[in-house]
Structures are given as structure tokens and as C-alpha cells.
Amino acid sequence: MLWVSYGRVSQEGIQGMVTNPSNRAEAVGKLLEAYGGKLISYHMLMNGNIDFFIVSDIPDDKIADVAIVNAMLVRGSGAIETISTVPAVRAEDAITQMQKAQQMASAMAYQAPTK
């Protein structure tokens, strides 16, 4: 399944990139490969809100492990301030989820709080 990770680089991480310019895609790729995943692409934005985003293919049964590793290993390094990982569903594949939501709405599976 495709996943998008995005986040902010810490001041320490930015200083490291200036001191030792390098393509971090290789390091990210190795981390993903350790879980049987694959790096699809790595992009730097450096706009202050989101500094990077990563597209990866990660087996569904490994995503929880990857999230914990992101929190402990990647953020723990001090180079990354925040990182979030969310599923990326292709538009044509999202129809199944839309139909499921439609069925659940018809069955009143969720009701908003009342005023």
C-alpha cells in the first residue's frame, strides 16, 4: 500500500544539512527496506510548515512498526521535529471506501452529536 509521510526538520537537522549536504533519500530508503518497504520518492519543500514529504510502499502489516520507529528512531535523532504517515489511496481505488461510507450512512452506523 502507498503511504505519504510528511513533517518538519528541526533546527539541528537543518544545520546538519547545511554543514554536510547530502541526499537523505538513501537513508530513508534503507529504513523502509528494513521493513520490506520501498521508497517511491522523497521531496524537500522547506517551507516552514512541511519541510519534506515521502511516498513509500509499505506492507500493511508493517505500518504500525514503521510509525513507532518514526517516533523513536527518526524523531529521537533530533534531526526531525515532526513526522506523520498517512495512507495514500488512488482516486479510482477510493470508490470502494466511498461506497462503504454510503452503506454505513444508510445503516445509521454513525450519528453526529445533537445540539
C-alpha atoms as a PDB file:
ATOM      1  CA  MET A   1       0.000   0.000   0.000  1.00  0.00           C
ATOM      2  CA  LEU A   2       1.177   3.518  -0.704  1.00  0.00           C
ATOM      3  CA  TRP A   3       1.848   5.845   2.230  1.00  0.00           C
ATOM      4  CA  VAL A   4       2.775   9.509   2.441  1.00  0.00           C
ATOM      5  CA  SER A   5       4.971  10.700   5.288  1.00  0.00           C
ATOM      6  CA  TYR A   6       5.479  14.385   5.884  1.00  0.00           C
ATOM      7  CA  GLY A   7       6.989  16.541   8.548  1.00  0.00           C
ATOM      8  CA  ARG A   8       9.291  19.234   9.730  1.00  0.00           C
ATOM      9  CA  VAL A   9      13.042  19.230  10.020  1.00  0.00           C
ATOM     10  CA  SER A  10      14.409  20.535  13.337  1.00  0.00           C
ATOM     11  CA  GLN A  11      16.863  23.409  13.589  1.00  0.00           C
ATOM     12  CA  GLU A  12      19.551  20.813  14.348  1.00  0.00           C
ATOM     13  CA  GLY A  13      18.580  18.882  11.196  1.00  0.00           C
ATOM     14  CA  ILE A  14      18.741  21.989   9.023  1.00  0.00           C
ATOM     15  CA  GLN A  15      22.155  22.853  10.430  1.00  0.00           C
ATOM     16  CA  GLY A  16      23.290  19.311   9.618  1.00  0.00           C
ATOM     17  CA  MET A  17      22.086  19.644   6.023  1.00  0.00           C
ATOM     18  CA  VAL A  18      23.973  22.918   5.613  1.00  0.00           C
ATOM     19  CA  THR A  19      27.141  21.541   7.219  1.00  0.00           C
ATOM     20  CA  ASN A  20      27.035  18.228   5.332  1.00  0.00           C
ATOM     21  CA  PRO A  21      24.793  18.459   2.241  1.00  0.00           C
ATOM     22  CA  SER A  22      23.548  15.004   1.272  1.00  0.00           C
ATOM     23  CA  ASN A  23      20.624  13.231  -0.331  1.00  0.00           C
ATOM     24  CA  ARG A  24      18.641  11.774   2.582  1.00  0.00           C
ATOM     25  CA  ALA A  25      16.650   9.558   0.232  1.00  0.00           C
ATOM     26  CA  GLU A  26      19.296   6.846   0.616  1.00  0.00           C
ATOM     27  CA  ALA A  27      18.931   6.758   4.418  1.00  0.00           C
ATOM     28  CA  VAL A  28      15.131   6.788   4.185  1.00  0.00           C
ATOM     29  CA  GLY A  29      15.221   4.020   1.579  1.00  0.00           C
ATOM     30  CA  LYS A  30      17.359   1.813   3.854  1.00  0.00           C
ATOM     31  CA  LEU A  31      14.943   2.323   6.747  1.00  0.00           C
ATOM     32  CA  LEU A  32      11.973   1.345   4.584  1.00  0.00           C
ATOM     33  CA  GLU A  33      13.791  -1.677   3.153  1.00  0.00           C
ATOM     34  CA  ALA A  34      14.376  -2.937   6.710  1.00  0.00           C
ATOM     35  CA  TYR A  35      10.584  -3.362   6.907  1.00  0.00           C
ATOM     36  CA  GLY A  36      10.163  -4.848   3.459  1.00  0.00           C
ATOM     37  CA  GLY A  37       9.019  -1.495   2.123  1.00  0.00           C
ATOM     38  CA  LYS A  38      10.202   0.589  -0.782  1.00  0.00           C
ATOM     39  CA  LEU A  39      10.909   4.283  -1.202  1.00  0.00           C
ATOM     40  CA  ILE A  40       8.954   5.674  -4.152  1.00  0.00           C
ATOM     41  CA  SER A  41      10.051   9.310  -3.870  1.00  0.00           C
ATOM     42  CA  TYR A  42      11.486  11.831  -1.417  1.00  0.00           C
ATOM     43  CA  HIS A  43      10.818  15.555  -1.737  1.00  0.00           C
ATOM     44  CA  MET A  44      12.117  18.598   0.107  1.00  0.00           C
ATOM     45  CA  LEU A  45       9.792  21.592   0.463  1.00  0.00           C
ATOM     46  CA  MET A  46      11.456  23.573   3.267  1.00  0.00           C
ATOM     47  CA  ASN A  47       8.567  25.998   3.598  1.00  0.00           C
ATOM     48  CA  GLY A  48       8.344  26.011   7.388  1.00  0.00           C
ATOM     49  CA  ASN A  49       5.059  24.131   7.658  1.00  0.00           C
ATOM     50  CA  ILE A  50       6.034  20.966   5.837  1.00  0.00           C
ATOM     51  CA  ASP A  51       9.712  20.558   5.084  1.00  0.00           C
ATOM     52  CA  PHE A  52       9.595  17.156   3.382  1.00  0.00           C
ATOM     53  CA  PHE A  53       7.263  14.505   2.085  1.00  0.00           C
ATOM     54  CA  ILE A  54       7.993  10.897   1.278  1.00  0.00           C
ATOM     55  CA  VAL A  55       5.965   8.475  -0.813  1.00  0.00           C
ATOM     56  CA  SER A  56       6.576   4.849   0.079  1.00  0.00           C
ATOM     57  CA  ASP A  57       5.158   1.400  -0.452  1.00  0.00           C
ATOM     58  CA  ILE A  58       4.900  -0.338   2.921  1.00  0.00           C
ATOM     59  CA  PRO A  59       3.266  -3.697   3.629  1.00  0.00           C
ATOM     60  CA  ASP A  60       0.048  -3.177   5.602  1.00  0.00           C
ATOM     61  CA  ASP A  61       1.233  -5.455   8.405  1.00  0.00           C
ATOM     62  CA  LYS A  62       4.342  -3.292   8.966  1.00  0.00           C
ATOM     63  CA  ILE A  63       2.882   0.227   9.102  1.00  0.00           C
ATOM     64  CA  ALA A  64       2.365   0.225  12.889  1.00  0.00           C
ATOM     65  CA  ASP A  65       6.018  -0.768  13.359  1.00  0.00           C
ATOM     66  CA  VAL A  66       7.146   1.967  10.984  1.00  0.00           C
ATOM     67  CA  ALA A  67       5.110   4.557  12.911  1.00  0.00           C
ATOM     68  CA  ILE A  68       6.762   3.564  16.187  1.00  0.00           C
ATOM     69  CA  VAL A  69      10.206   3.595  14.590  1.00  0.00           C
ATOM     70  CA  ASN A  70       9.483   7.074  13.191  1.00  0.00           C
ATOM     71  CA  ALA A  71       8.665   8.286  16.676  1.00  0.00           C
ATOM     72  CA  MET A  72      11.632   6.717  18.433  1.00  0.00           C
ATOM     73  CA  LEU A  73      14.430   6.437  15.895  1.00  0.00           C
ATOM     74  CA  VAL A  74      13.827   9.225  13.411  1.00  0.00           C
ATOM     75  CA  ARG A  75      12.471  11.887  15.762  1.00  0.00           C
ATOM     76  CA  GLY A  76      14.802  10.680  18.507  1.00  0.00           C
ATOM     77  CA  SER A  77      17.758  11.533  16.303  1.00  0.00           C
ATOM     78  CA  GLY A  78      16.996  15.207  16.825  1.00  0.00           C
ATOM     79  CA  ALA A  79      17.008  15.927  13.080  1.00  0.00           C
ATOM     80  CA  ILE A  80      13.250  15.660  12.572  1.00  0.00           C
ATOM     81  CA  GLU A  81      10.808  17.729  14.608  1.00  0.00           C
ATOM     82  CA  THR A  82       7.561  16.104  13.447  1.00  0.00           C
ATOM     83  CA  ILE A  83       6.604  13.269  11.135  1.00  0.00           C
ATOM     84  CA  SER A  84       3.178  11.894  10.187  1.00  0.00           C
ATOM     85  CA  THR A  85       2.363   8.955   7.938  1.00  0.00           C
ATOM     86  CA  VAL A  86      -0.997   8.554   6.225  1.00  0.00           C
ATOM     87  CA  PRO A  87      -2.345   6.094   3.641  1.00  0.00           C
ATOM     88  CA  ALA A  88      -2.439   7.283   0.042  1.00  0.00           C
ATOM     89  CA  VAL A  89      -5.368   5.798  -1.850  1.00  0.00           C
ATOM     90  CA  ARG A  90      -5.534   6.220  -5.598  1.00  0.00           C
ATOM     91  CA  ALA A  91      -8.686   8.090  -6.657  1.00  0.00           C
ATOM     92  CA  GLU A  92     -10.038   5.122  -8.602  1.00  0.00           C
ATOM     93  CA  ASP A  93      -9.470   2.856  -5.589  1.00  0.00           C
ATOM     94  CA  ALA A  94     -11.240   5.261  -3.206  1.00  0.00           C
ATOM     95  CA  ILE A  95     -14.628   4.432  -4.744  1.00  0.00           C
ATOM     96  CA  THR A  96     -14.778   1.270  -2.621  1.00  0.00           C
ATOM     97  CA  GLN A  97     -14.336   3.351   0.557  1.00  0.00           C
ATOM     98  CA  MET A  98     -16.958   5.837  -0.661  1.00  0.00           C
ATOM     99  CA  GLN A  99     -19.421   3.005  -1.215  1.00  0.00           C
ATOM    100  CA  LYS A 100     -18.675   1.612   2.253  1.00  0.00           C
ATOM    101  CA  ALA A 101     -19.298   5.057   3.788  1.00  0.00           C
ATOM    102  CA  GLN A 102     -22.547   5.289   1.824  1.00  0.00           C
ATOM    103  CA  GLN A 103     -23.675   1.893   3.189  1.00  0.00           C
ATOM    104  CA  MET A 104     -22.732   2.847   6.734  1.00  0.00           C
ATOM    105  CA  ALA A 105     -24.563   6.180   6.416  1.00  0.00           C
ATOM    106  CA  SER A 106     -27.681   4.359   5.196  1.00  0.00           C
ATOM    107  CA  ALA A 107     -27.435   1.973   8.158  1.00  0.00           C
ATOM    108  CA  MET A 108     -27.018   4.961  10.518  1.00  0.00           C
ATOM    109  CA  ALA A 109     -23.736   3.473  11.758  1.00  0.00           C
ATOM    110  CA  TYR A 110     -22.709   6.954  12.908  1.00  0.00           C
ATOM    111  CA  GLN A 111     -24.783   9.807  14.189  1.00  0.00           C
ATOM    112  CA  ALA A 112     -23.404  13.271  14.820  1.00  0.00           C
ATOM    113  CA  PRO A 113     -23.880  14.714  18.307  1.00  0.00           C
ATOM    114  CA  THR A 114     -27.107  16.608  18.673  1.00  0.00           C
ATOM    115  CA  LYS A 115     -27.379  20.241  19.665  1.00  0.00           C
END
